[in-house]
Amino acid sequence: MPLDYPTHTHVLSNGLRVVISPDHAVPVVTANLWVGVGSRHEAPGRTGFAHLFEHLMFQGSRSVASGEHFSALMAQGGRLNATTWFDRTNYFETVPVGALELALWLEADRHGFLLDAVTQENLDNQRDVVKEEKRQRYDNQPYGNALADVYAATFPEGHPYHHPTIGSMDDLDAATLEDVHAFFTRFYAPNNTVLTLVGDVTEEHGLALAEKYFGHLTHRVEPPRGRGPQLPPIAAPVRVDRHEDVPNDRLHISFRMPAEGADDFLAASLALDCVAGLASSPMVTRLVRREQVATTIMAHSMGLIDGSSLGLVVVDIAPGQDADAVEAEVATELGRFVEEGPTEDILEAVKAHAERTWLSALASGEERADLISQYTLLHDDPDYVNTALDRLLAIGPEAVHCAAREWLRPQHRVCVAYLASESPEQEEAA
């Protein structure tokens, strides 16, 4: 039976796209906003700005005191947060239906009038917060900078995905108040934003509230940068070694993949899951369960829109095993899959896992709102939540095999290896 979540889409006169998906099962509503600005929109020397604004948006606006967005909604039983990624920044809250107007008023005030509160003091404060986040989540975590290394090695210098969303601390240090104001003015506007409401609200009431609280925002921006051409696969293997104090050797093996949106991305994602994404995948079966040269192998695809997506296989090396030898065996398994393609059983298992994951996500009003915002902002397709499974399940073994031959050949890999540093005693003994 096909999925049939309601999606009612409207565009306000100021360009704000509003999608309302009524669900009266419980008396709560999720308000989810996706803004078309992420780290891929940042100019050289101005990295980290998109993520900085995720923080600044909670520091007050024209009519809201610093921290009041959190305190006001949490006092009503709401939960809220925000995230930044390559292609977007999003802000979201789930509240009792009686607090929906408060949530929308707070969102409209900061999306329209944030700069009234972005002072030098606030900028300096949040710049320090971001630096501390980088220290905690990246610099002082085992493997914390691995993905940044993967992005830098997989995407060429100057490509919008070459740098991570946390950005450069030197760039943030150099940012002036005028730079920060200009960034907000360039990207934060109704015609570069999607508002999705999922929950106990009717189409008519939801649209009326969106018009009431956002309709008076008149600022418009030029469309953000377009999408570049599809990047080809890496021509020859790339290896980056990092010697650090990590619990065990770990390989981060990445591939360029088709940009998200077309079925070739779905086929490549299925291929990656077939070879290494399940406990029954051939790479996991041989290297983890049978030969035990690795303790875990995980694989997943990151769907991105600007000229490439990213496929990632993470391999934890078993104690006493040689990382180079394990990488060679990973390459062997990739090569075997490229030659033979998926078996009927593994493709069926991967599709079943994908179906469970998708249905589980849609069962949550919060995740459903996020997916609707995503596919509305990035693909102009709010109904994708209903059609995605049909598209995925229709992809046959030959399409998956073809995607593997094009994108997952072992010579197309980037390997970022985090290798455990020897202790001084070990080095002396050696």
Foldseek 3Di string as FASTA:
>chain_A
DFDDFDWDWDAFPLQAIEIETEDAPDQKKKKKKKFFDALLLADVLQALLQVLVQVLLQCDFDPAHRNRLVVVQVVQVKDWGWDGFLGIIMTMMMGGNVCVLVNLQSVLRSLQTSLVRLDPVSLVVSLVVLVVCCCVQAVPDFCSCVVLVVLCVFDDPPRSSNGGRSTDSSSSVPDDSVNSVVVSLATRGSSRMYIYMYYNDDPVRSVVSCCVRNVPRNRDHDDGDDAAAADFFAQFEAEAEAAEAHPAKKKKKKIWAAAPDDLLRLLQQLLQCQQFADCPRPLNCPCCVNVNQFPHKHWGWAHHHRNTTMIIIMTTGDPPHDPVVSLVVSLVSLQVCLVPFGDPVSSVVSLVVVVVVLVVQCVDRNSLRVVLRVCCNRPVCSCCSRCVSVSNVPDDRVSSSVSSNRMVNSRSMYIYMYHYHDDPVVVVVD
